[in-house]
Amino acid sequence: MNSSPRQLEILQLLNAGESNIAVSERLGFSQSTVEQELQRITKRLRERNRSEAVTHAIELNLMSHQGEVKTPIATMNKNELSVESESASTG
C-alpha cells in the first residue's frame, strides 16, 4: 500500500491535536483527501473514529505517544491487527 507514509503523517498530526483542515493545510492535501485517508486508517485499524485510530496506532506500536513513527500500517497483516486489537480490548 503506497499511502502508508501519508497515513502515518496524518496519524502523527492527529495525535498532536490537529484538525482535518490543519492537516490538509500542513501536508498540502485537500480536506477531502485527508478525510478519505482517515476513513482508510480507521477501517484498517477497525476503529470508529480518529481518536480510537490514534490510540490503536499507539497500542500497536506504530507510533509513540509523541507521534514518532515506528511500524508502517501497511506492513501489518489482518492477523496482527486483530490479535493486537483483541488483547488491547481485553487487557
Protein backbone atom coordinates (compact mmCIF):
# COMPACT_ATOMS: atom_id res chain seq x y z
CA MET A 1 0.00 0.00 0.00
CA ASN A 2 1.71 3.15 -1.20
CA SER A 3 -0.24 5.55 1.02
CA SER A 4 1.20 4.23 4.27
CA PRO A 5 3.62 7.14 4.77
CA ARG A 6 0.74 9.56 4.15
CA GLN A 7 -1.44 7.73 6.65
CA LEU A 8 1.29 7.84 9.26
CA GLU A 9 1.79 11.56 8.69
CA ILE A 10 -1.92 12.09 9.20
CA LEU A 11 -1.92 9.97 12.37
CA GLN A 12 1.04 11.92 13.72
CA LEU A 13 -0.72 15.24 13.18
CA LEU A 14 -3.98 13.95 14.63
CA ASN A 15 -2.05 12.73 17.65
CA ALA A 16 -0.73 16.28 18.02
CA GLY A 17 -4.33 17.51 18.14
CA GLU A 18 -4.54 18.95 14.63
CA SER A 19 -7.91 19.26 12.87
CA ASN A 20 -8.57 17.81 9.41
CA ILE A 21 -8.31 21.32 7.97
CA ALA A 22 -4.97 21.94 9.70
CA VAL A 23 -3.67 18.55 8.50
CA SER A 24 -4.71 19.31 4.93
CA GLU A 25 -3.04 22.72 5.01
CA ARG A 26 0.13 21.40 6.60
CA LEU A 27 0.52 18.47 4.19
CA GLY A 28 -0.75 20.29 1.10
CA PHE A 29 -3.66 17.91 0.54
CA SER A 30 -7.31 18.80 0.09
CA GLN A 31 -9.53 18.35 3.11
CA SER A 32 -11.41 15.59 1.29
CA THR A 33 -8.13 13.70 0.75
CA VAL A 34 -7.38 13.88 4.46
CA GLU A 35 -10.91 12.68 5.26
CA GLN A 36 -10.59 9.78 2.78
CA GLU A 37 -7.25 8.76 4.26
CA LEU A 38 -8.71 8.98 7.75
CA GLN A 39 -11.54 6.67 6.67
CA ARG A 40 -8.98 4.21 5.31
CA ILE A 41 -6.97 4.41 8.53
CA THR A 42 -9.99 3.81 10.78
CA LYS A 43 -11.18 0.95 8.57
CA ARG A 44 -7.72 -0.65 8.50
CA LEU A 45 -7.41 -0.39 12.28
CA ARG A 46 -11.06 -1.41 12.76
CA GLU A 47 -11.89 1.67 14.78
CA ARG A 48 -14.86 4.04 14.71
CA ASN A 49 -13.18 7.44 14.85
CA ARG A 50 -9.91 9.34 14.71
CA SER A 51 -9.33 9.23 18.46
CA GLU A 52 -9.67 5.46 18.58
CA ALA A 53 -7.45 5.13 15.50
CA VAL A 54 -4.67 7.20 17.08
CA THR A 55 -4.96 5.26 20.35
CA HIS A 56 -4.92 1.95 18.50
CA ALA A 57 -1.87 3.02 16.45
CA ILE A 58 -0.03 3.78 19.68
CA GLU A 59 -1.12 0.45 21.21
CA LEU A 60 0.07 -1.37 18.08
CA ASN A 61 3.41 0.39 18.48
CA LEU A 62 3.01 2.06 15.07
CA MET A 63 3.96 5.34 16.71
CA SER A 64 4.81 6.68 20.12
CA HIS A 65 2.65 8.96 22.25
CA GLN A 66 4.74 11.79 20.81
CA GLY A 67 3.80 10.70 17.28
CA GLU A 68 7.13 9.15 16.32
CA VAL A 69 6.53 6.55 13.59
CA LYS A 70 7.62 3.01 14.44
CA THR A 71 5.94 0.50 12.08
CA PRO A 72 4.06 1.29 8.87
CA ILE A 73 0.42 0.18 8.96
CA ALA A 74 0.81 -1.39 5.52
CA THR A 75 3.35 -3.92 6.82
CA MET A 76 0.91 -5.37 9.35
CA ASN A 77 -1.40 -8.14 8.24
CA LYS A 78 -5.00 -8.66 9.38
CA ASN A 79 -4.00 -11.27 11.97
CA GLU A 80 -1.53 -8.92 13.64
CA LEU A 81 -4.12 -6.15 13.73
CA SER A 82 -6.88 -8.35 15.16
CA VAL A 83 -4.67 -10.11 17.72
CA GLU A 84 -3.34 -6.80 18.99
CA SER A 85 -6.82 -5.29 18.92
CA GLU A 86 -8.31 -8.16 20.94
CA SER A 87 -5.54 -8.09 23.54
CA ALA A 88 -5.84 -4.31 23.87
CA SER A 89 -9.60 -4.50 24.40
CA THR A 90 -9.41 -7.33 26.94
CA GLY A 91 -6.34 -6.18 28.81
